[in-house]
Each structure stands twice: as C-alpha cells, then as structure tokens.
Amino acid sequence: MVRKGLKKDMPSAYTVLDRFNWTAEEMSDVMLQVNDGTDPKKAARKWIKDNPDKVKKWTDGVKKVNGDKIKLTYVAWDSEIASTNVVAEVLSDIGYKPTIQAMEIQPMWASIATGAADGMVAAWLPNTSGVYYKDYKKRC
C-alpha cells in the first residue's frame, strides 16, 4: 500500500513496492537471522546478496535516483520487520534514502492515507487489516 501520488512522485519506488513479493520461506531466512540476534538491516543485506535473481525481478528496468527520501512504516511483527528491511535496502540500492518506522497497525494505515508515510509492505489483507483497508482505501 502506498500513499496517493507516489506513482507519479517516485515512480522507481512505486515500481519496486508494486513488484515486491516473496515466499514465506524467503521471509523466514531474514526472520530467523533477526531472531538469532542479527541486526535487521544486516540480515536484509545478506538476503539481498544471496538472492540477486529475486531482487532483479523487483528492480529490472527501474531508473536509479539520487538520494530521494522515502518513508516506510510497518508493524513490529517478525514478518514485517523482515519485509520492510529488505524493501528499504533494495530502495537504498537504487538511490533512495529510506527511513522506516514501526507503529501500531491502525496508525500505520493512517500514516499512508494522510501522506505522513510513503508506503508499507505490511498490509495483511484481507483478514487482519481488512477493516483498515475498507476505512482508508479511498485515501491510499
């Protein structure tokens, strides 16, 4: 989920966020490293290094940028820590300066809807966040 206007304002970031997907097994590689005490950013960086073909699917043909700031939000669940850190590092590799911020689930959705944040990869649809999607979908 991204804020309105992101596709126009940051087309490269939008493309990466739109293409981002990975399996539970891929996600668990990062999650288990973090659970064993590895810094999430370092675990994400290792996963990216070990999975260049997957990352290429997200970034193929994406134009590099030069230090554009982007803010991602997430819920501090193991899966979302892993996903958000991987996406942030991939965005960094194409020239963005990402910041990530953990928050509770409802404020996460509100941050995207109000433009306080640019995007998230923690939607958890249709069940966990279904009510928030219904509330905010016209503003995201």
N, C-alpha and C. Protein backbone atom coordinates (compact mmCIF):
# COMPACT_ATOMS: atom_id res chain seq x y z
N MET A 1 0.84 -1.17 0.00
CA MET A 1 0.00 0.00 0.00
C MET A 1 0.89 1.23 0.00
N VAL A 2 0.51 2.20 -0.79
CA VAL A 2 1.28 3.43 -0.87
C VAL A 2 0.34 4.64 -0.80
N ARG A 3 0.94 5.78 -0.49
CA ARG A 3 0.15 7.00 -0.45
C ARG A 3 -0.25 7.40 -1.86
N LYS A 4 -1.34 8.14 -1.95
CA LYS A 4 -1.76 8.67 -3.24
C LYS A 4 -0.64 9.54 -3.79
N GLY A 5 -0.42 9.45 -5.06
CA GLY A 5 0.58 10.27 -5.72
C GLY A 5 1.98 9.68 -5.76
N LEU A 6 2.22 8.58 -5.06
CA LEU A 6 3.57 8.02 -5.04
C LEU A 6 4.01 7.56 -6.44
N LYS A 7 3.09 7.00 -7.20
CA LYS A 7 3.44 6.50 -8.53
C LYS A 7 3.97 7.64 -9.40
N LYS A 8 3.41 8.82 -9.27
CA LYS A 8 3.86 9.99 -10.04
C LYS A 8 5.11 10.60 -9.43
N ASP A 9 5.14 10.74 -8.10
CA ASP A 9 6.24 11.40 -7.40
C ASP A 9 7.52 10.57 -7.37
N MET A 10 7.38 9.28 -7.19
CA MET A 10 8.54 8.38 -7.05
C MET A 10 8.28 7.10 -7.85
N PRO A 11 8.30 7.20 -9.17
CA PRO A 11 7.95 6.02 -9.97
C PRO A 11 8.85 4.81 -9.74
N SER A 12 10.12 5.03 -9.47
CA SER A 12 11.02 3.90 -9.23
C SER A 12 10.65 3.18 -7.94
N ALA A 13 10.40 3.93 -6.88
CA ALA A 13 10.00 3.33 -5.61
C ALA A 13 8.65 2.62 -5.77
N TYR A 14 7.73 3.26 -6.46
CA TYR A 14 6.42 2.66 -6.68
C TYR A 14 6.56 1.30 -7.38
N THR A 15 7.40 1.25 -8.40
CA THR A 15 7.57 0.00 -9.14
C THR A 15 8.13 -1.10 -8.25
N VAL A 16 9.15 -0.77 -7.47
CA VAL A 16 9.72 -1.78 -6.56
C VAL A 16 8.67 -2.25 -5.55
N LEU A 17 7.95 -1.32 -4.95
CA LEU A 17 6.93 -1.70 -3.96
C LEU A 17 5.83 -2.52 -4.61
N ASP A 18 5.45 -2.17 -5.83
CA ASP A 18 4.40 -2.90 -6.53
C ASP A 18 4.85 -4.31 -6.90
N ARG A 19 6.10 -4.47 -7.24
CA ARG A 19 6.62 -5.79 -7.64
C ARG A 19 7.02 -6.67 -6.46
N PHE A 20 7.23 -6.06 -5.30
CA PHE A 20 7.74 -6.82 -4.16
C PHE A 20 6.81 -7.97 -3.78
N ASN A 21 7.37 -9.14 -3.75
CA ASN A 21 6.69 -10.33 -3.21
C ASN A 21 7.78 -11.35 -2.92
N TRP A 22 7.51 -12.14 -1.91
CA TRP A 22 8.43 -13.22 -1.61
C TRP A 22 7.69 -14.29 -0.86
N THR A 23 8.30 -15.45 -0.80
CA THR A 23 7.64 -16.59 -0.18
C THR A 23 7.86 -16.56 1.34
N ALA A 24 7.06 -17.34 2.02
CA ALA A 24 7.23 -17.46 3.47
C ALA A 24 8.62 -18.02 3.80
N GLU A 25 9.12 -18.92 2.97
CA GLU A 25 10.45 -19.48 3.19
C GLU A 25 11.53 -18.39 3.04
N GLU A 26 11.40 -17.56 2.02
CA GLU A 26 12.36 -16.47 1.84
C GLU A 26 12.31 -15.50 3.02
N MET A 27 11.10 -15.17 3.44
CA MET A 27 10.92 -14.27 4.58
C MET A 27 11.53 -14.87 5.84
N SER A 28 11.35 -16.16 6.02
CA SER A 28 11.85 -16.80 7.24
C SER A 28 13.37 -16.77 7.31
N ASP A 29 14.05 -16.73 6.17
CA ASP A 29 15.51 -16.62 6.18
C ASP A 29 15.94 -15.37 6.95
N VAL A 30 15.28 -14.26 6.67
CA VAL A 30 15.61 -13.00 7.35
C VAL A 30 15.09 -13.02 8.79
N MET A 31 13.88 -13.49 8.98
CA MET A 31 13.29 -13.53 10.33
C MET A 31 14.14 -14.32 11.30
N LEU A 32 14.61 -15.49 10.87
CA LEU A 32 15.41 -16.34 11.76
C LEU A 32 16.75 -15.70 12.10
N GLN A 33 17.36 -15.02 11.14
CA GLN A 33 18.61 -14.31 11.44
C GLN A 33 18.36 -13.23 12.50
N VAL A 34 17.28 -12.49 12.33
CA VAL A 34 16.96 -11.43 13.29
C VAL A 34 16.66 -12.03 14.66
N ASN A 35 15.89 -13.12 14.68
CA ASN A 35 15.59 -13.79 15.95
C ASN A 35 16.85 -14.31 16.64
N ASP A 36 17.88 -14.61 15.85
CA ASP A 36 19.15 -15.07 16.42
C ASP A 36 20.07 -13.91 16.81
N GLY A 37 19.58 -12.69 16.68
CA GLY A 37 20.34 -11.53 17.15
C GLY A 37 20.99 -10.67 16.08
N THR A 38 20.84 -11.03 14.82
CA THR A 38 21.41 -10.21 13.74
C THR A 38 20.59 -8.94 13.59
N ASP A 39 21.26 -7.83 13.40
CA ASP A 39 20.58 -6.57 13.12
C ASP A 39 19.70 -6.74 11.87
N PRO A 40 18.44 -6.27 11.90
CA PRO A 40 17.55 -6.47 10.75
C PRO A 40 18.11 -5.94 9.43
N LYS A 41 18.79 -4.81 9.48
CA LYS A 41 19.38 -4.25 8.27
C LYS A 41 20.47 -5.17 7.72
N LYS A 42 21.29 -5.73 8.59
CA LYS A 42 22.35 -6.66 8.16
C LYS A 42 21.75 -7.95 7.61
N ALA A 43 20.70 -8.44 8.25
CA ALA A 43 20.04 -9.66 7.77
C ALA A 43 19.42 -9.42 6.39
N ALA A 44 18.82 -8.25 6.21
CA ALA A 44 18.24 -7.90 4.91
C ALA A 44 19.33 -7.81 3.85
N ARG A 45 20.42 -7.17 4.19
CA ARG A 45 21.54 -7.00 3.25
C ARG A 45 22.08 -8.37 2.82
N LYS A 46 22.21 -9.31 3.77
CA LYS A 46 22.69 -10.65 3.44
C LYS A 46 21.72 -11.36 2.51
N TRP A 47 20.42 -11.24 2.80
CA TRP A 47 19.41 -11.90 1.96
C TRP A 47 19.48 -11.34 0.54
N ILE A 48 19.61 -10.04 0.40
CA ILE A 48 19.70 -9.42 -0.91
C ILE A 48 20.92 -9.94 -1.67
N LYS A 49 22.04 -10.02 -0.99
CA LYS A 49 23.27 -10.52 -1.60
C LYS A 49 23.10 -11.97 -2.06
N ASP A 50 22.39 -12.77 -1.26
CA ASP A 50 22.20 -14.19 -1.56
C ASP A 50 21.09 -14.47 -2.58
N ASN A 51 20.29 -13.46 -2.92
CA ASN A 51 19.13 -13.66 -3.79
C ASN A 51 19.06 -12.61 -4.91
N PRO A 52 20.12 -12.47 -5.69
CA PRO A 52 20.12 -11.41 -6.72
C PRO A 52 19.06 -11.59 -7.81
N ASP A 53 18.71 -12.83 -8.13
CA ASP A 53 17.70 -13.05 -9.16
C ASP A 53 16.33 -12.56 -8.73
N LYS A 54 16.00 -12.80 -7.46
CA LYS A 54 14.71 -12.33 -6.93
C LYS A 54 14.67 -10.80 -6.91
N VAL A 55 15.74 -10.20 -6.42
CA VAL A 55 15.81 -8.74 -6.35
C VAL A 55 15.74 -8.13 -7.76
N LYS A 56 16.36 -8.78 -8.73
CA LYS A 56 16.32 -8.29 -10.11
C LYS A 56 14.88 -8.23 -10.63
N LYS A 57 14.05 -9.17 -10.23
CA LYS A 57 12.64 -9.15 -10.65
C LYS A 57 11.94 -7.89 -10.14
N TRP A 58 12.34 -7.41 -8.98
CA TRP A 58 11.71 -6.21 -8.41
C TRP A 58 12.28 -4.94 -9.01
N THR A 59 13.53 -4.99 -9.47
CA THR A 59 14.23 -3.76 -9.87
C THR A 59 14.53 -3.67 -11.36
N ASP A 60 14.26 -4.71 -12.11
CA ASP A 60 14.59 -4.73 -13.53
C ASP A 60 13.98 -3.53 -14.26
N GLY A 61 14.82 -2.75 -14.91
CA GLY A 61 14.36 -1.60 -15.68
C GLY A 61 14.02 -0.37 -14.85
N VAL A 62 14.20 -0.45 -13.54
CA VAL A 62 13.87 0.67 -12.65
C VAL A 62 14.98 1.71 -12.73
N LYS A 63 14.59 2.94 -12.93
CA LYS A 63 15.55 4.04 -13.04
C LYS A 63 16.10 4.38 -11.65
N LYS A 64 17.42 4.53 -11.56
CA LYS A 64 18.05 4.91 -10.29
C LYS A 64 17.75 6.36 -9.98
N VAL A 65 17.75 6.69 -8.69
CA VAL A 65 17.52 8.05 -8.23
C VAL A 65 18.76 8.49 -7.44
N ASN A 66 18.74 9.73 -7.00
CA ASN A 66 19.91 10.27 -6.33
C ASN A 66 19.55 10.86 -4.97
N GLY A 67 19.35 9.98 -3.99
CA GLY A 67 19.17 10.43 -2.61
C GLY A 67 17.77 10.89 -2.24
N ASP A 68 16.77 10.55 -3.05
CA ASP A 68 15.39 10.91 -2.71
C ASP A 68 15.00 10.21 -1.41
N LYS A 69 14.36 10.95 -0.52
CA LYS A 69 13.93 10.38 0.75
C LYS A 69 12.59 9.68 0.58
N ILE A 70 12.46 8.55 1.27
CA ILE A 70 11.21 7.80 1.27
C ILE A 70 11.01 7.22 2.66
N LYS A 71 9.77 7.26 3.14
CA LYS A 71 9.46 6.76 4.48
C LYS A 71 8.50 5.58 4.38
N LEU A 72 8.91 4.48 5.00
CA LEU A 72 8.09 3.27 5.06
C LEU A 72 7.68 3.03 6.51
N THR A 73 6.47 2.56 6.70
CA THR A 73 6.01 2.21 8.04
C THR A 73 5.73 0.71 8.09
N TYR A 74 5.73 0.19 9.30
CA TYR A 74 5.48 -1.23 9.48
C TYR A 74 5.03 -1.51 10.90
N VAL A 75 4.40 -2.65 11.09
CA VAL A 75 4.06 -3.15 12.41
C VAL A 75 5.22 -4.04 12.84
N ALA A 76 5.64 -3.94 14.07
CA ALA A 76 6.83 -4.65 14.55
C ALA A 76 6.58 -6.13 14.78
N TRP A 77 6.07 -6.80 13.77
CA TRP A 77 5.93 -8.25 13.76
C TRP A 77 7.15 -8.78 13.02
N ASP A 78 7.60 -9.97 13.36
CA ASP A 78 8.80 -10.53 12.74
C ASP A 78 8.74 -10.48 11.21
N SER A 79 7.60 -10.86 10.65
CA SER A 79 7.47 -10.88 9.19
C SER A 79 7.62 -9.49 8.59
N GLU A 80 7.07 -8.50 9.25
CA GLU A 80 7.09 -7.14 8.70
C GLU A 80 8.42 -6.45 8.95
N ILE A 81 9.10 -6.82 10.01
CA ILE A 81 10.46 -6.33 10.22
C ILE A 81 11.33 -6.83 9.07
N ALA A 82 11.20 -8.11 8.75
CA ALA A 82 11.98 -8.70 7.66
C ALA A 82 11.63 -8.05 6.32
N SER A 83 10.36 -8.01 5.99
CA SER A 83 9.93 -7.47 4.70
C SER A 83 10.32 -6.01 4.53
N THR A 84 10.07 -5.21 5.54
CA THR A 84 10.33 -3.77 5.44
C THR A 84 11.82 -3.49 5.33
N ASN A 85 12.63 -4.22 6.07
CA ASN A 85 14.07 -4.01 5.98
C ASN A 85 14.62 -4.43 4.62
N VAL A 86 14.13 -5.51 4.07
CA VAL A 86 14.57 -5.93 2.74
C VAL A 86 14.18 -4.88 1.71
N VAL A 87 12.94 -4.44 1.73
CA VAL A 87 12.50 -3.42 0.76
C VAL A 87 13.29 -2.13 0.93
N ALA A 88 13.52 -1.71 2.16
CA ALA A 88 14.28 -0.48 2.40
C ALA A 88 15.69 -0.59 1.83
N GLU A 89 16.32 -1.74 1.99
CA GLU A 89 17.67 -1.92 1.47
C GLU A 89 17.68 -1.97 -0.06
N VAL A 90 16.67 -2.57 -0.66
CA VAL A 90 16.57 -2.58 -2.12
C VAL A 90 16.37 -1.15 -2.63
N LEU A 91 15.51 -0.39 -1.96
CA LEU A 91 15.31 1.01 -2.36
C LEU A 91 16.60 1.81 -2.19
N SER A 92 17.34 1.53 -1.15
CA SER A 92 18.62 2.19 -0.94
C SER A 92 19.58 1.88 -2.09
N ASP A 93 19.56 0.66 -2.56
CA ASP A 93 20.45 0.25 -3.65
C ASP A 93 20.13 0.97 -4.96
N ILE A 94 18.90 1.44 -5.13
CA ILE A 94 18.59 2.19 -6.36
C ILE A 94 18.64 3.70 -6.12
N GLY A 95 19.17 4.10 -4.96
CA GLY A 95 19.45 5.51 -4.74
C GLY A 95 18.57 6.26 -3.77
N TYR A 96 17.58 5.60 -3.20
CA TYR A 96 16.72 6.26 -2.21
C TYR A 96 17.41 6.31 -0.86
N LYS A 97 16.96 7.23 -0.03
CA LYS A 97 17.38 7.28 1.37
C LYS A 97 16.15 6.95 2.21
N PRO A 98 15.93 5.66 2.45
CA PRO A 98 14.72 5.26 3.18
C PRO A 98 14.86 5.42 4.69
N THR A 99 13.74 5.76 5.30
CA THR A 99 13.61 5.65 6.75
C THR A 99 12.44 4.71 6.98
N ILE A 100 12.55 3.95 8.05
CA ILE A 100 11.46 3.04 8.39
C ILE A 100 11.03 3.32 9.83
N GLN A 101 9.73 3.18 10.05
CA GLN A 101 9.20 3.48 11.38
C GLN A 101 8.17 2.44 11.77
N ALA A 102 8.38 1.84 12.93
CA ALA A 102 7.42 0.88 13.47
C ALA A 102 6.29 1.63 14.16
N MET A 103 5.10 1.11 14.01
CA MET A 103 3.93 1.68 14.70
C MET A 103 2.84 0.62 14.79
N GLU A 104 1.83 0.93 15.54
CA GLU A 104 0.69 0.02 15.64
C GLU A 104 -0.05 -0.02 14.29
N ILE A 105 -0.89 -1.02 14.13
CA ILE A 105 -1.48 -1.29 12.82
C ILE A 105 -2.39 -0.15 12.32
N GLN A 106 -3.26 0.37 13.15
CA GLN A 106 -4.16 1.43 12.69
C GLN A 106 -3.39 2.70 12.33
N PRO A 107 -2.46 3.17 13.16
CA PRO A 107 -1.67 4.34 12.76
C PRO A 107 -0.84 4.10 11.50
N MET A 108 -0.41 2.87 11.28
CA MET A 108 0.33 2.56 10.06
C MET A 108 -0.53 2.87 8.84
N TRP A 109 -1.76 2.38 8.84
CA TRP A 109 -2.68 2.66 7.74
C TRP A 109 -2.96 4.15 7.63
N ALA A 110 -3.17 4.80 8.76
CA ALA A 110 -3.46 6.24 8.74
C ALA A 110 -2.28 7.03 8.19
N SER A 111 -1.05 6.59 8.50
CA SER A 111 0.12 7.31 8.01
C SER A 111 0.20 7.29 6.48
N ILE A 112 -0.21 6.21 5.89
CA ILE A 112 -0.22 6.13 4.42
C ILE A 112 -1.36 6.98 3.86
N ALA A 113 -2.52 6.87 4.47
CA ALA A 113 -3.69 7.62 3.99
C ALA A 113 -3.51 9.12 4.09
N THR A 114 -2.77 9.59 5.08
CA THR A 114 -2.57 11.03 5.26
C THR A 114 -1.31 11.55 4.57
N GLY A 115 -0.50 10.66 4.03
CA GLY A 115 0.74 11.06 3.38
C GLY A 115 1.88 11.29 4.34
N ALA A 116 1.69 10.95 5.62
CA ALA A 116 2.78 11.07 6.59
C ALA A 116 3.88 10.06 6.30
N ALA A 117 3.52 8.99 5.62
CA ALA A 117 4.48 7.98 5.17
C ALA A 117 4.18 7.69 3.70
N ASP A 118 5.18 7.15 3.02
CA ASP A 118 5.03 6.90 1.59
C ASP A 118 4.49 5.53 1.25
N GLY A 119 4.81 4.52 2.07
CA GLY A 119 4.36 3.19 1.73
C GLY A 119 4.59 2.19 2.84
N MET A 120 4.05 1.00 2.62
CA MET A 120 4.22 -0.11 3.55
C MET A 120 4.09 -1.42 2.78
N VAL A 121 4.70 -2.44 3.31
CA VAL A 121 4.55 -3.78 2.74
C VAL A 121 3.95 -4.72 3.77
N ALA A 122 3.16 -4.15 4.67
CA ALA A 122 2.59 -4.89 5.80
C ALA A 122 1.07 -4.87 5.79
N ALA A 123 0.48 -4.96 4.64
CA ALA A 123 -0.98 -4.78 4.54
C ALA A 123 -1.78 -5.88 5.23
N TRP A 124 -1.36 -7.13 5.18
CA TRP A 124 -2.07 -8.27 5.79
C TRP A 124 -3.55 -8.29 5.43
N LEU A 125 -3.79 -8.40 4.13
CA LEU A 125 -5.17 -8.46 3.63
C LEU A 125 -5.51 -9.89 3.22
N PRO A 126 -6.74 -10.26 3.26
CA PRO A 126 -7.93 -9.46 3.54
C PRO A 126 -8.36 -9.47 5.01
N ASN A 127 -7.80 -10.36 5.82
CA ASN A 127 -8.36 -10.54 7.16
C ASN A 127 -7.84 -9.57 8.21
N THR A 128 -6.57 -9.64 8.56
CA THR A 128 -6.05 -8.87 9.68
C THR A 128 -6.31 -7.38 9.53
N SER A 129 -6.08 -6.86 8.34
CA SER A 129 -6.23 -5.41 8.11
C SER A 129 -7.44 -5.06 7.25
N GLY A 130 -8.31 -5.99 7.04
CA GLY A 130 -9.47 -5.74 6.17
C GLY A 130 -10.28 -4.52 6.57
N VAL A 131 -10.51 -4.33 7.86
CA VAL A 131 -11.29 -3.19 8.32
C VAL A 131 -10.56 -1.88 8.03
N TYR A 132 -9.23 -1.87 8.17
CA TYR A 132 -8.46 -0.66 7.89
C TYR A 132 -8.43 -0.37 6.39
N TYR A 133 -8.32 -1.41 5.59
CA TYR A 133 -8.36 -1.22 4.14
C TYR A 133 -9.68 -0.58 3.75
N LYS A 134 -10.75 -1.08 4.31
CA LYS A 134 -12.07 -0.53 3.99
C LYS A 134 -12.15 0.95 4.40
N ASP A 135 -11.60 1.28 5.56
CA ASP A 135 -11.64 2.65 6.05
C ASP A 135 -10.75 3.61 5.24
N TYR A 136 -9.60 3.11 4.77
CA TYR A 136 -8.60 4.00 4.18
C TYR A 136 -8.39 3.86 2.67
N LYS A 137 -9.02 2.88 2.03
CA LYS A 137 -8.69 2.57 0.64
C LYS A 137 -8.88 3.74 -0.32
N LYS A 138 -9.81 4.62 -0.05
CA LYS A 138 -10.01 5.76 -0.95
C LYS A 138 -8.93 6.81 -0.81
N ARG A 139 -8.15 6.73 0.28
CA ARG A 139 -7.08 7.71 0.51
C ARG A 139 -5.68 7.14 0.31
N CYS A 140 -5.61 5.87 -0.13
CA CYS A 140 -4.30 5.24 -0.40
C CYS A 140 -4.17 4.94 -1.87
